[in-house]
Amino acid sequence: MADFSSRGPTADGRIKPEIVAPGEYILSAKSDGIATGTSTQCNTAATALLSNAGTSMATPVSAGHAALIRQYLTEGWYPTNNKGGSTEMTSPSASLITALMLNSGTSLSGRVDVNNNGLVYESLANGIYPINIFQGFGRITLNKVLTFNDTASNYGVYMTQKRVIITGQDDDYCVTTTTAGTVKATLVWHDYPGTPTSAVAFVNNLDLYVGRSLVDIKVGNFVTRRDYRNNAEHVIFPVIAGEKIIVKVRGTSVNIGPQMYSLVISGNIDRSSAAVTTNAQTSTGSCTLPLAFDAAPASGDDSFPYGPVIGGTVGGGAAAVGVVAGCLKCFGKRE
């Protein structure tokens, strides 16, 4: 992680950054500023290229990744791994593109100076939560979510979008694993605008649960406690071969709705095995994760693990902060 990259969370405890991308020692096109007349910027590599750092580099890298995801979907690669093989996802929503970007996140290595004073260091890959306030969901890694004919046969990606949910509704998705490893589930919804003068920005709350049964459930973002602040939730779940894993999306509190959402499940799964049960709270089918309880909500210690002020500022913009929220809105409505 670049030492100048800003850290989250926001003042009301939401995760920032959401995703990160390379933003230091990046070569890109250089303009010589000549609008009319003879330009020399393409004469040599030295005049045509510029090395720079910061969001000016990380943001276009992230936007380019988003464009590649959209192209993959609109060209019909999913789910057959062949161009033009299907029209299932050829009209992708903004929340689906966001979910794919976040699901692709890979944890960075190394450590960060928590208070910028050389005294306390934190491992970026500490394994406590699938997210953290330094790198969000991690570095964009598109081969984790865009599959082709040369993708390993034991690896699969399932995605759904524009699903509608209301308060009290449960949607259960079950997939069968292929080999031992991990399954990643990412839930994203584009929330309705909050009141401008409100101290908190969130309106609707959905929750993500992943498990085999009640005894091993993991909850989105904070593992054992519900995240009620963020409109993106993520679970990384260890699996063995040939077992059924159930991913539950719960409409915990849909104050303005109904709310549409997107869900991506990736890892050692058979994508073709995916099945969904809607209103699973009242269903007795085999594809259900019966939850007779709601996990306790996350506390301020989860959102502000090092206190509300980190590195001298509350919130801030990181290498790729805002790219997911900003550039992806041009690709779709609140879906």
C-alpha atoms as a PDB file:
ATOM      1  CA  MET A   1       0.000   0.000   0.000  1.00  0.00           C
ATOM      2  CA  ALA A   2       1.369   3.409  -0.926  1.00  0.00           C
ATOM      3  CA  ASP A   3       2.381   5.327   2.182  1.00  0.00           C
ATOM      4  CA  PHE A   4       0.426   8.387   0.998  1.00  0.00           C
ATOM      5  CA  SER A   5      -2.840   6.491   0.481  1.00  0.00           C
ATOM      6  CA  SER A   6      -5.615   7.857   2.704  1.00  0.00           C
ATOM      7  CA  ARG A   7      -7.606   5.593   5.004  1.00  0.00           C
ATOM      8  CA  GLY A   8     -11.188   5.100   6.108  1.00  0.00           C
ATOM      9  CA  PRO A   9     -13.663   4.896   7.528  1.00  0.00           C
ATOM     10  CA  THR A  10     -16.003   7.789   6.769  1.00  0.00           C
ATOM     11  CA  ALA A  11     -17.228   9.931   9.643  1.00  0.00           C
ATOM     12  CA  ASP A  12     -20.355   7.764   9.976  1.00  0.00           C
ATOM     13  CA  GLY A  13     -18.359   4.523   9.890  1.00  0.00           C
ATOM     14  CA  ARG A  14     -18.755   3.353   6.285  1.00  0.00           C
ATOM     15  CA  ILE A  15     -15.922   1.470   4.588  1.00  0.00           C
ATOM     16  CA  LYS A  16     -13.501   3.527   2.521  1.00  0.00           C
ATOM     17  CA  PRO A  17     -11.652   2.717   0.386  1.00  0.00           C
ATOM     18  CA  GLU A  18     -13.853   0.024  -1.164  1.00  0.00           C
ATOM     19  CA  ILE A  19     -11.265  -1.245  -3.632  1.00  0.00           C
ATOM     20  CA  VAL A  20      -7.679  -0.324  -4.506  1.00  0.00           C
ATOM     21  CA  ALA A  21      -5.578  -0.358  -7.669  1.00  0.00           C
ATOM     22  CA  PRO A  22      -1.923   0.403  -8.532  1.00  0.00           C
ATOM     23  CA  GLY A  23      -1.315   4.116  -8.109  1.00  0.00           C
ATOM     24  CA  GLU A  24       2.448   4.583  -7.807  1.00  0.00           C
ATOM     25  CA  TYR A  25       5.182   4.466 -10.479  1.00  0.00           C
ATOM     26  CA  ILE A  26       2.541   4.178 -13.220  1.00  0.00           C
ATOM     27  CA  LEU A  27       3.430   5.073 -16.820  1.00  0.00           C
ATOM     28  CA  SER A  28       0.697   6.712 -18.869  1.00  0.00           C
ATOM     29  CA  ALA A  29       0.225   9.032 -21.841  1.00  0.00           C
ATOM     30  CA  LYS A  30       1.742  12.485 -21.454  1.00  0.00           C
ATOM     31  CA  SER A  31       0.400  15.658 -22.986  1.00  0.00           C
ATOM     32  CA  ASP A  32       2.796  18.445 -23.931  1.00  0.00           C
ATOM     33  CA  GLY A  33      -0.039  20.949 -23.651  1.00  0.00           C
ATOM     34  CA  ILE A  34       0.102  22.066 -27.288  1.00  0.00           C
ATOM     35  CA  ALA A  35      -3.484  22.515 -28.487  1.00  0.00           C
ATOM     36  CA  THR A  36      -2.596  23.912 -31.909  1.00  0.00           C
ATOM     37  CA  GLY A  37       0.532  23.748 -34.022  1.00  0.00           C
ATOM     38  CA  THR A  38       3.152  21.012 -34.055  1.00  0.00           C
ATOM     39  CA  SER A  39       3.280  18.599 -31.126  1.00  0.00           C
ATOM     40  CA  THR A  40       6.423  16.668 -30.296  1.00  0.00           C
ATOM     41  CA  GLN A  41       4.947  14.450 -27.605  1.00  0.00           C
ATOM     42  CA  CYS A  42       4.904  11.318 -29.812  1.00  0.00           C
ATOM     43  CA  ASN A  43       8.456  11.665 -31.123  1.00  0.00           C
ATOM     44  CA  THR A  44      10.012   9.428 -28.457  1.00  0.00           C
ATOM     45  CA  ALA A  45       8.946   7.374 -25.466  1.00  0.00           C
ATOM     46  CA  ALA A  46      10.505  10.001 -23.224  1.00  0.00           C
ATOM     47  CA  THR A  47       8.170  12.691 -24.568  1.00  0.00           C
ATOM     48  CA  ALA A  48       5.120  10.455 -24.955  1.00  0.00           C
ATOM     49  CA  LEU A  49       5.020   8.881 -21.498  1.00  0.00           C
ATOM     50  CA  LEU A  50       4.827  10.178 -17.947  1.00  0.00           C
ATOM     51  CA  SER A  51       5.375   8.412 -14.618  1.00  0.00           C
ATOM     52  CA  ASN A  52       3.074   9.631 -11.880  1.00  0.00           C
ATOM     53  CA  ALA A  53       1.343   8.575  -8.671  1.00  0.00           C
ATOM     54  CA  GLY A  54      -1.905   9.050  -6.793  1.00  0.00           C
ATOM     55  CA  THR A  55      -5.591   8.889  -7.682  1.00  0.00           C
ATOM     56  CA  SER A  56      -4.724  10.313 -11.119  1.00  0.00           C
ATOM     57  CA  MET A  57      -3.230   6.879 -11.826  1.00  0.00           C
ATOM     58  CA  ALA A  58      -5.340   4.517  -9.675  1.00  0.00           C
ATOM     59  CA  THR A  59      -8.706   5.934 -10.754  1.00  0.00           C
ATOM     60  CA  PRO A  60      -8.292   5.324 -14.517  1.00  0.00           C
ATOM     61  CA  VAL A  61      -6.890   1.863 -13.778  1.00  0.00           C
ATOM     62  CA  SER A  62     -10.039   1.102 -11.772  1.00  0.00           C
ATOM     63  CA  ALA A  63     -12.324   2.681 -14.381  1.00  0.00           C
ATOM     64  CA  GLY A  64     -10.627   0.568 -17.048  1.00  0.00           C
ATOM     65  CA  HIS A  65     -11.295  -2.575 -15.021  1.00  0.00           C
ATOM     66  CA  ALA A  66     -14.963  -1.579 -14.709  1.00  0.00           C
ATOM     67  CA  ALA A  67     -15.160  -1.068 -18.469  1.00  0.00           C
ATOM     68  CA  LEU A  68     -13.633  -4.509 -19.078  1.00  0.00           C
ATOM     69  CA  ILE A  69     -16.211  -6.116 -16.780  1.00  0.00           C
ATOM     70  CA  ARG A  70     -19.016  -4.363 -18.618  1.00  0.00           C
ATOM     71  CA  GLN A  71     -17.598  -5.406 -21.997  1.00  0.00           C
ATOM     72  CA  TYR A  72     -17.306  -9.029 -20.825  1.00  0.00           C
ATOM     73  CA  LEU A  73     -20.961  -9.050 -19.813  1.00  0.00           C
ATOM     74  CA  THR A  74     -22.418  -7.132 -22.767  1.00  0.00           C
ATOM     75  CA  GLU A  75     -20.541  -9.387 -25.203  1.00  0.00           C
ATOM     76  CA  GLY A  76     -22.251 -12.408 -23.682  1.00  0.00           C
ATOM     77  CA  TRP A  77     -19.277 -14.303 -22.211  1.00  0.00           C
ATOM     78  CA  TYR A  78     -21.204 -15.252 -19.062  1.00  0.00           C
ATOM     79  CA  PRO A  79     -21.958 -18.029 -18.212  1.00  0.00           C
ATOM     80  CA  THR A  80     -20.649 -20.103 -21.146  1.00  0.00           C
ATOM     81  CA  ASN A  81     -17.087 -18.640 -21.176  1.00  0.00           C
ATOM     82  CA  ASN A  82     -17.573 -17.981 -24.908  1.00  0.00           C
ATOM     83  CA  LYS A  83     -18.192 -14.646 -26.600  1.00  0.00           C
ATOM     84  CA  GLY A  84     -21.823 -14.355 -27.617  1.00  0.00           C
ATOM     85  CA  GLY A  85     -22.693 -17.567 -25.825  1.00  0.00           C
ATOM     86  CA  SER A  86     -25.537 -16.082 -23.793  1.00  0.00           C
ATOM     87  CA  THR A  87     -27.677 -12.986 -23.296  1.00  0.00           C
ATOM     88  CA  GLU A  88     -28.176 -13.683 -19.573  1.00  0.00           C
ATOM     89  CA  MET A  89     -26.159 -10.687 -18.324  1.00  0.00           C
ATOM     90  CA  THR A  90     -25.817  -8.498 -21.407  1.00  0.00           C
ATOM     91  CA  SER A  91     -27.536  -5.557 -19.678  1.00  0.00           C
ATOM     92  CA  PRO A  92     -25.459  -5.268 -16.487  1.00  0.00           C
ATOM     93  CA  SER A  93     -26.522  -2.978 -13.677  1.00  0.00           C
ATOM     94  CA  ALA A  94     -24.134  -0.674 -11.872  1.00  0.00           C
ATOM     95  CA  SER A  95     -24.457  -2.720  -8.686  1.00  0.00           C
ATOM     96  CA  LEU A  96     -23.467  -5.927 -10.534  1.00  0.00           C
ATOM     97  CA  ILE A  97     -20.318  -4.307 -11.919  1.00  0.00           C
ATOM     98  CA  THR A  98     -19.538  -3.048  -8.430  1.00  0.00           C
ATOM     99  CA  ALA A  99     -20.131  -6.490  -6.906  1.00  0.00           C
ATOM    100  CA  LEU A 100     -17.802  -8.115  -9.444  1.00  0.00           C
ATOM    101  CA  MET A 101     -15.063  -5.570  -8.756  1.00  0.00           C
ATOM    102  CA  LEU A 102     -15.322  -6.045  -5.001  1.00  0.00           C
ATOM    103  CA  ASN A 103     -15.549  -9.832  -5.247  1.00  0.00           C
ATOM    104  CA  SER A 104     -12.335  -9.827  -7.283  1.00  0.00           C
ATOM    105  CA  GLY A 105     -10.436  -8.088  -4.475  1.00  0.00           C
ATOM    106  CA  THR A 106      -7.205  -9.732  -3.341  1.00  0.00           C
ATOM    107  CA  SER A 107      -5.571  -8.743  -0.075  1.00  0.00           C
ATOM    108  CA  LEU A 108      -2.340  -6.791  -0.351  1.00  0.00           C
ATOM    109  CA  SER A 109       0.739  -7.961   1.500  1.00  0.00           C
ATOM    110  CA  GLY A 110       2.931  -5.999   3.860  1.00  0.00           C
ATOM    111  CA  ARG A 111       2.100  -3.700   6.753  1.00  0.00           C
ATOM    112  CA  VAL A 112       0.841  -0.174   7.246  1.00  0.00           C
ATOM    113  CA  ASP A 113       1.820   2.438   9.814  1.00  0.00           C
ATOM    114  CA  VAL A 114      -1.467   2.827  11.677  1.00  0.00           C
ATOM    115  CA  ASN A 115      -0.886   6.297  13.105  1.00  0.00           C
ATOM    116  CA  ASN A 116       1.796   7.517  10.685  1.00  0.00           C
ATOM    117  CA  ASN A 117       4.270   7.768  13.541  1.00  0.00           C
ATOM    118  CA  GLY A 118       6.311   4.571  13.159  1.00  0.00           C
ATOM    119  CA  LEU A 119       5.019   3.046  16.410  1.00  0.00           C
ATOM    120  CA  VAL A 120       2.109   0.741  15.518  1.00  0.00           C
ATOM    121  CA  TYR A 121       2.008  -1.438  12.394  1.00  0.00           C
ATOM    122  CA  GLU A 122      -0.899  -3.509  11.109  1.00  0.00           C
ATOM    123  CA  SER A 123      -0.718  -6.387   8.624  1.00  0.00           C
ATOM    124  CA  LEU A 124      -2.893  -5.784   5.575  1.00  0.00           C
ATOM    125  CA  ALA A 125      -3.670  -9.503   5.383  1.00  0.00           C
ATOM    126  CA  ASN A 126      -4.468 -10.046   9.065  1.00  0.00           C
ATOM    127  CA  GLY A 127      -7.378 -12.384   8.362  1.00  0.00           C
ATOM    128  CA  ILE A 128      -9.686 -10.806  10.956  1.00  0.00           C
ATOM    129  CA  TYR A 129     -12.280  -9.500   8.500  1.00  0.00           C
ATOM    130  CA  PRO A 130     -12.544  -9.802   4.694  1.00  0.00           C
ATOM    131  CA  ILE A 131     -12.246  -6.004   4.624  1.00  0.00           C
ATOM    132  CA  ASN A 132     -10.233  -3.335   6.373  1.00  0.00           C
ATOM    133  CA  ILE A 133      -9.958   0.426   6.523  1.00  0.00           C
ATOM    134  CA  PHE A 134      -6.665   0.505   4.616  1.00  0.00           C
ATOM    135  CA  GLN A 135      -7.476  -1.466   1.457  1.00  0.00           C
ATOM    136  CA  GLY A 136     -11.241  -2.075   1.551  1.00  0.00           C
ATOM    137  CA  PHE A 137     -11.971  -5.369  -0.206  1.00  0.00           C
ATOM    138  CA  GLY A 138      -8.459  -5.490  -1.680  1.00  0.00           C
ATOM    139  CA  ARG A 139      -6.767  -5.059  -5.057  1.00  0.00           C
ATOM    140  CA  ILE A 140      -8.843  -5.585  -8.207  1.00  0.00           C
ATOM    141  CA  THR A 141      -7.991  -9.000  -9.733  1.00  0.00           C
ATOM    142  CA  LEU A 142     -10.308  -9.610 -12.672  1.00  0.00           C
ATOM    143  CA  ASN A 143      -9.376 -13.227 -13.363  1.00  0.00           C
ATOM    144  CA  LYS A 144     -11.114 -14.020 -10.083  1.00  0.00           C
ATOM    145  CA  VAL A 145     -14.510 -13.082 -11.558  1.00  0.00           C
ATOM    146  CA  LEU A 146     -14.189 -13.192 -15.372  1.00  0.00           C
ATOM    147  CA  THR A 147     -13.924 -16.817 -16.497  1.00  0.00           C
ATOM    148  CA  PHE A 148     -12.905 -18.163 -19.901  1.00  0.00           C
ATOM    149  CA  ASN A 149     -12.338 -21.568 -21.465  1.00  0.00           C
ATOM    150  CA  ASP A 150      -8.871 -21.801 -19.916  1.00  0.00           C
ATOM    151  CA  THR A 151     -10.173 -21.117 -16.375  1.00  0.00           C
ATOM    152  CA  ALA A 152      -9.519 -24.051 -14.025  1.00  0.00           C
ATOM    153  CA  SER A 153     -12.389 -26.552 -14.222  1.00  0.00           C
ATOM    154  CA  ASN A 154     -12.889 -26.535 -10.440  1.00  0.00           C
ATOM    155  CA  TYR A 155     -13.413 -22.751 -10.345  1.00  0.00           C
ATOM    156  CA  GLY A 156     -16.712 -21.044 -11.032  1.00  0.00           C
ATOM    157  CA  VAL A 157     -18.554 -17.733 -10.746  1.00  0.00           C
ATOM    158  CA  TYR A 158     -22.285 -17.306 -10.187  1.00  0.00           C
ATOM    159  CA  MET A 159     -23.925 -13.888 -10.462  1.00  0.00           C
ATOM    160  CA  THR A 160     -27.410 -12.464 -10.306  1.00  0.00           C
ATOM    161  CA  GLN A 161     -28.700  -8.900 -10.529  1.00  0.00           C
ATOM    162  CA  LYS A 162     -31.789  -6.717 -10.242  1.00  0.00           C
ATOM    163  CA  ARG A 163     -33.219  -8.981  -7.563  1.00  0.00           C
ATOM    164  CA  VAL A 164     -35.962  -7.257  -5.557  1.00  0.00           C
ATOM    165  CA  ILE A 165     -36.231  -7.568  -1.774  1.00  0.00           C
ATOM    166  CA  ILE A 166     -38.350  -6.037   0.988  1.00  0.00           C
ATOM    167  CA  THR A 167     -38.185  -5.991   4.772  1.00  0.00           C
ATOM    168  CA  GLY A 168     -38.516  -9.466   6.225  1.00  0.00           C
ATOM    169  CA  GLN A 169     -37.710 -11.281   2.978  1.00  0.00           C
ATOM    170  CA  ASP A 170     -34.940 -13.856   2.706  1.00  0.00           C
ATOM    171  CA  ASP A 171     -33.407 -15.047  -0.570  1.00  0.00           C
ATOM    172  CA  ASP A 172     -31.294 -18.221  -0.267  1.00  0.00           C
ATOM    173  CA  TYR A 173     -28.792 -19.294  -2.926  1.00  0.00           C
ATOM    174  CA  CYS A 174     -27.150 -22.704  -2.724  1.00  0.00           C
ATOM    175  CA  VAL A 175     -24.110 -23.902  -4.652  1.00  0.00           C
ATOM    176  CA  THR A 176     -22.174 -27.172  -4.622  1.00  0.00           C
ATOM    177  CA  THR A 177     -18.404 -27.039  -4.121  1.00  0.00           C
ATOM    178  CA  THR A 178     -15.972 -28.805  -6.454  1.00  0.00           C
ATOM    179  CA  THR A 179     -12.798 -29.044  -4.392  1.00  0.00           C
ATOM    180  CA  ALA A 180     -11.496 -27.840  -1.041  1.00  0.00           C
ATOM    181  CA  GLY A 181     -10.709 -24.137  -0.870  1.00  0.00           C
ATOM    182  CA  THR A 182     -12.774 -20.998  -0.351  1.00  0.00           C
ATOM    183  CA  VAL A 183     -16.035 -19.506  -1.570  1.00  0.00           C
ATOM    184  CA  LYS A 184     -16.481 -15.718  -1.721  1.00  0.00           C
ATOM    185  CA  ALA A 185     -19.893 -14.061  -1.720  1.00  0.00           C
ATOM    186  CA  THR A 186     -20.393 -10.333  -2.340  1.00  0.00           C
ATOM    187  CA  LEU A 187     -23.687  -8.467  -1.965  1.00  0.00           C
ATOM    188  CA  VAL A 188     -24.122  -4.916  -3.328  1.00  0.00           C
ATOM    189  CA  TRP A 189     -27.134  -2.617  -3.542  1.00  0.00           C
ATOM    190  CA  HIS A 190     -27.380   1.028  -4.539  1.00  0.00           C
ATOM    191  CA  ASP A 191     -29.001   2.653  -1.557  1.00  0.00           C
ATOM    192  CA  TYR A 192     -31.545   5.453  -1.769  1.00  0.00           C
ATOM    193  CA  PRO A 193     -30.260   8.974  -0.981  1.00  0.00           C
ATOM    194  CA  GLY A 194     -30.110   9.879   2.680  1.00  0.00           C
ATOM    195  CA  THR A 195     -31.182  13.166   4.191  1.00  0.00           C
ATOM    196  CA  PRO A 196     -28.470  15.774   3.460  1.00  0.00           C
ATOM    197  CA  THR A 197     -28.353  16.992   7.076  1.00  0.00           C
ATOM    198  CA  SER A 198     -28.374  13.501   8.587  1.00  0.00           C
ATOM    199  CA  ALA A 199     -25.397  12.331  10.611  1.00  0.00           C
ATOM    200  CA  VAL A 200     -25.588   8.969   8.808  1.00  0.00           C
ATOM    201  CA  ALA A 201     -25.951   8.383   5.070  1.00  0.00           C
ATOM    202  CA  PHE A 202     -27.473   4.909   4.870  1.00  0.00           C
ATOM    203  CA  VAL A 203     -31.205   4.272   4.310  1.00  0.00           C
ATOM    204  CA  ASN A 204     -31.814   0.577   3.567  1.00  0.00           C
ATOM    205  CA  ASN A 205     -30.052  -2.334   5.221  1.00  0.00           C
ATOM    206  CA  LEU A 206     -29.604  -5.781   3.699  1.00  0.00           C
ATOM    207  CA  ASP A 207     -27.519  -8.480   5.347  1.00  0.00           C
ATOM    208  CA  LEU A 208     -25.430 -11.344   3.971  1.00  0.00           C
ATOM    209  CA  TYR A 209     -25.030 -14.757   5.636  1.00  0.00           C
ATOM    210  CA  VAL A 210     -23.015 -17.759   4.405  1.00  0.00           C
ATOM    211  CA  GLY A 211     -22.925 -21.227   5.941  1.00  0.00           C
ATOM    212  CA  ARG A 212     -23.782 -24.907   5.863  1.00  0.00           C
ATOM    213  CA  SER A 213     -25.959 -24.773   8.975  1.00  0.00           C
ATOM    214  CA  LEU A 214     -26.600 -22.608  12.016  1.00  0.00           C
ATOM    215  CA  VAL A 215     -23.345 -23.665  13.679  1.00  0.00           C
ATOM    216  CA  ASP A 216     -20.906 -22.251  11.122  1.00  0.00           C
ATOM    217  CA  ILE A 217     -22.575 -19.118   9.736  1.00  0.00           C
ATOM    218  CA  LYS A 218     -20.408 -16.161   8.752  1.00  0.00           C
ATOM    219  CA  VAL A 219     -21.977 -12.704   8.523  1.00  0.00           C
ATOM    220  CA  GLY A 220     -21.143 -10.107   5.867  1.00  0.00           C
ATOM    221  CA  ASN A 221     -18.055  -7.968   6.581  1.00  0.00           C
ATOM    222  CA  PHE A 222     -17.805  -8.446  10.356  1.00  0.00           C
ATOM    223  CA  VAL A 223     -18.048 -12.282  10.459  1.00  0.00           C
ATOM    224  CA  THR A 224     -20.119 -12.604  13.642  1.00  0.00           C
ATOM    225  CA  ARG A 225     -21.946  -9.251  13.715  1.00  0.00           C
ATOM    226  CA  ARG A 226     -24.266  -7.562  11.229  1.00  0.00           C
ATOM    227  CA  ASP A 227     -23.044  -4.604   9.211  1.00  0.00           C
ATOM    228  CA  TYR A 228     -25.805  -1.992   9.121  1.00  0.00           C
ATOM    229  CA  ARG A 229     -23.755   0.881   7.681  1.00  0.00           C
ATOM    230  CA  ASN A 230     -22.435  -0.303   4.302  1.00  0.00           C
ATOM    231  CA  ASN A 231     -24.209  -1.118   1.038  1.00  0.00           C
ATOM    232  CA  ALA A 232     -21.595  -3.741   0.134  1.00  0.00           C
ATOM    233  CA  GLU A 233     -21.051  -6.922   2.159  1.00  0.00           C
ATOM    234  CA  HIS A 234     -18.571  -9.728   1.693  1.00  0.00           C
ATOM    235  CA  VAL A 235     -17.970 -13.202   3.166  1.00  0.00           C
ATOM    236  CA  ILE A 236     -15.012 -15.538   2.606  1.00  0.00           C
ATOM    237  CA  PHE A 237     -15.981 -19.089   3.579  1.00  0.00           C
ATOM    238  CA  PRO A 238     -13.691 -22.186   3.751  1.00  0.00           C
ATOM    239  CA  VAL A 239     -15.110 -25.305   2.067  1.00  0.00           C
ATOM    240  CA  ILE A 240     -14.393 -28.962   1.379  1.00  0.00           C
ATOM    241  CA  ALA A 241     -15.177 -30.853  -1.812  1.00  0.00           C
ATOM    242  CA  GLY A 242     -18.724 -31.830  -2.721  1.00  0.00           C
ATOM    243  CA  GLU A 243     -20.682 -29.936  -0.078  1.00  0.00           C
ATOM    244  CA  LYS A 244     -23.622 -27.561  -0.364  1.00  0.00           C
ATOM    245  CA  ILE A 245     -23.031 -23.976   0.733  1.00  0.00           C
ATOM    246  CA  ILE A 246     -25.947 -21.609   1.255  1.00  0.00           C
ATOM    247  CA  VAL A 247     -25.736 -17.843   0.775  1.00  0.00           C
ATOM    248  CA  LYS A 248     -28.590 -15.864   2.331  1.00  0.00           C
ATOM    249  CA  VAL A 249     -29.576 -12.283   1.484  1.00  0.00           C
ATOM    250  CA  ARG A 250     -31.902 -10.845   4.120  1.00  0.00           C
ATOM    251  CA  GLY A 251     -34.009  -7.716   3.817  1.00  0.00           C
ATOM    252  CA  THR A 252     -33.317  -6.540   7.353  1.00  0.00           C
ATOM    253  CA  SER A 253     -34.670  -3.012   7.020  1.00  0.00           C
ATOM    254  CA  VAL A 254     -35.903  -1.702   3.661  1.00  0.00           C
ATOM    255  CA  ASN A 255     -37.235   1.722   4.592  1.00  0.00           C
ATOM    256  CA  ILE A 256     -37.647   2.869   0.970  1.00  0.00           C
ATOM    257  CA  GLY A 257     -38.246   0.151  -1.528  1.00  0.00           C
ATOM    258  CA  PRO A 258     -38.434  -2.394  -2.759  1.00  0.00           C
ATOM    259  CA  GLN A 259     -34.646  -2.555  -2.933  1.00  0.00           C
ATOM    260  CA  MET A 260     -32.812  -4.138  -5.872  1.00  0.00           C
ATOM    261  CA  TYR A 261     -29.488  -5.877  -5.307  1.00  0.00           C
ATOM    262  CA  SER A 262     -26.751  -7.865  -7.040  1.00  0.00           C
ATOM    263  CA  LEU A 263     -24.944 -10.940  -5.725  1.00  0.00           C
ATOM    264  CA  VAL A 264     -21.710 -12.605  -6.868  1.00  0.00           C
ATOM    265  CA  ILE A 265     -20.462 -15.987  -5.611  1.00  0.00           C
ATOM    266  CA  SER A 266     -17.024 -17.181  -6.724  1.00  0.00           C
ATOM    267  CA  GLY A 267     -14.538 -19.881  -5.837  1.00  0.00           C
ATOM    268  CA  ASN A 268     -14.389 -23.654  -5.960  1.00  0.00           C
ATOM    269  CA  ILE A 269     -18.015 -24.067  -7.016  1.00  0.00           C
ATOM    270  CA  ASP A 270     -20.043 -25.680  -9.767  1.00  0.00           C
ATOM    271  CA  ARG A 271     -21.841 -22.658 -11.169  1.00  0.00           C
ATOM    272  CA  SER A 272     -24.470 -24.806 -12.870  1.00  0.00           C
ATOM    273  CA  SER A 273     -25.515 -26.205  -9.480  1.00  0.00           C
ATOM    274  CA  ALA A 274     -26.787 -22.839  -8.240  1.00  0.00           C
ATOM    275  CA  ALA A 275     -30.389 -22.687  -7.061  1.00  0.00           C
ATOM    276  CA  VAL A 276     -32.389 -19.981  -5.308  1.00  0.00           C
ATOM    277  CA  THR A 277     -35.294 -20.046  -2.862  1.00  0.00           C
ATOM    278  CA  THR A 278     -37.138 -16.737  -2.409  1.00  0.00           C
ATOM    279  CA  ASN A 279     -38.897 -15.879   0.866  1.00  0.00           C
ATOM    280  CA  ALA A 280     -36.802 -18.585   2.457  1.00  0.00           C
ATOM    281  CA  GLN A 281     -37.819 -17.593   5.968  1.00  0.00           C
ATOM    282  CA  THR A 282     -41.082 -19.451   5.439  1.00  0.00           C
ATOM    283  CA  SER A 283     -39.737 -22.139   3.116  1.00  0.00           C
ATOM    284  CA  THR A 284     -38.965 -25.724   4.068  1.00  0.00           C
ATOM    285  CA  GLY A 285     -37.033 -26.577   0.893  1.00  0.00           C
ATOM    286  CA  SER A 286     -33.527 -28.004   0.833  1.00  0.00           C
ATOM    287  CA  CYS A 287     -31.979 -24.740  -0.395  1.00  0.00           C
ATOM    288  CA  THR A 288     -32.487 -22.760   2.789  1.00  0.00           C
ATOM    289  CA  LEU A 289     -30.328 -21.537   5.629  1.00  0.00           C
ATOM    290  CA  PRO A 290     -32.807 -21.363   8.528  1.00  0.00           C
ATOM    291  CA  LEU A 291     -32.036 -18.339  10.670  1.00  0.00           C
ATOM    292  CA  ALA A 292     -34.273 -17.982  13.673  1.00  0.00           C
ATOM    293  CA  PHE A 293     -32.187 -15.025  14.829  1.00  0.00           C
ATOM    294  CA  ASP A 294     -30.447 -11.896  13.643  1.00  0.00           C
ATOM    295  CA  ALA A 295     -26.787 -11.558  14.515  1.00  0.00           C
ATOM    296  CA  ALA A 296     -26.029  -8.654  16.824  1.00  0.00           C
ATOM    297  CA  PRO A 297     -25.223  -5.399  15.005  1.00  0.00           C
ATOM    298  CA  ALA A 298     -21.607  -4.360  14.666  1.00  0.00           C
ATOM    299  CA  SER A 299     -20.260  -1.865  17.172  1.00  0.00           C
ATOM    300  CA  GLY A 300     -18.187   1.258  16.831  1.00  0.00           C
ATOM    301  CA  ASP A 301     -15.116  -0.851  17.553  1.00  0.00           C
ATOM    302  CA  ASP A 302     -15.739  -2.706  14.273  1.00  0.00           C
ATOM    303  CA  SER A 303     -16.154   0.426  12.167  1.00  0.00           C
ATOM    304  CA  PHE A 304     -13.428   2.389  13.974  1.00  0.00           C
ATOM    305  CA  PRO A 305     -10.916  -0.309  15.005  1.00  0.00           C
ATOM    306  CA  TYR A 306      -8.221   2.269  15.784  1.00  0.00           C
ATOM    307  CA  GLY A 307     -10.448   5.054  17.003  1.00  0.00           C
ATOM    308  CA  PRO A 308     -12.359   7.648  14.956  1.00  0.00           C
ATOM    309  CA  VAL A 309      -9.227   9.530  13.917  1.00  0.00           C
ATOM    310  CA  ILE A 310      -6.594   7.616  11.961  1.00  0.00           C
ATOM    311  CA  GLY A 311      -3.476   9.263  10.638  1.00  0.00           C
ATOM    312  CA  GLY A 312      -4.796  12.675  11.622  1.00  0.00           C
ATOM    313  CA  THR A 313      -7.977  12.694   9.516  1.00  0.00           C
ATOM    314  CA  VAL A 314     -11.464  11.263   9.616  1.00  0.00           C
ATOM    315  CA  GLY A 315     -12.203   9.378   6.398  1.00  0.00           C
ATOM    316  CA  GLY A 316     -10.478  10.614   3.246  1.00  0.00           C
ATOM    317  CA  GLY A 317      -9.686   9.477  -0.281  1.00  0.00           C
ATOM    318  CA  ALA A 318      -7.402   6.544  -0.987  1.00  0.00           C
ATOM    319  CA  ALA A 319      -5.698   5.308  -4.112  1.00  0.00           C
ATOM    320  CA  ALA A 320      -8.945   4.083  -5.632  1.00  0.00           C
ATOM    321  CA  VAL A 321     -11.547   5.534  -3.262  1.00  0.00           C
ATOM    322  CA  GLY A 322     -14.705   6.742  -4.942  1.00  0.00           C
ATOM    323  CA  VAL A 323     -14.023   4.920  -8.198  1.00  0.00           C
ATOM    324  CA  VAL A 324     -16.619   2.278  -7.460  1.00  0.00           C
ATOM    325  CA  ALA A 325     -19.205   4.788  -6.310  1.00  0.00           C
ATOM    326  CA  GLY A 326     -18.346   7.451  -8.855  1.00  0.00           C
ATOM    327  CA  CYS A 327     -17.449   5.940 -12.220  1.00  0.00           C
ATOM    328  CA  LEU A 328     -19.810   2.972 -12.040  1.00  0.00           C
ATOM    329  CA  LYS A 329     -22.920   5.093 -11.738  1.00  0.00           C
ATOM    330  CA  CYS A 330     -22.509   5.950 -15.412  1.00  0.00           C
ATOM    331  CA  PHE A 331     -23.126   2.295 -16.257  1.00  0.00           C
ATOM    332  CA  GLY A 332     -26.595   1.926 -14.763  1.00  0.00           C
ATOM    333  CA  LYS A 333     -29.476   3.055 -12.600  1.00  0.00           C
ATOM    334  CA  ARG A 334     -30.079   2.235  -8.926  1.00  0.00           C
ATOM    335  CA  GLU A 335     -30.176  -1.510  -9.585  1.00  0.00           C
END
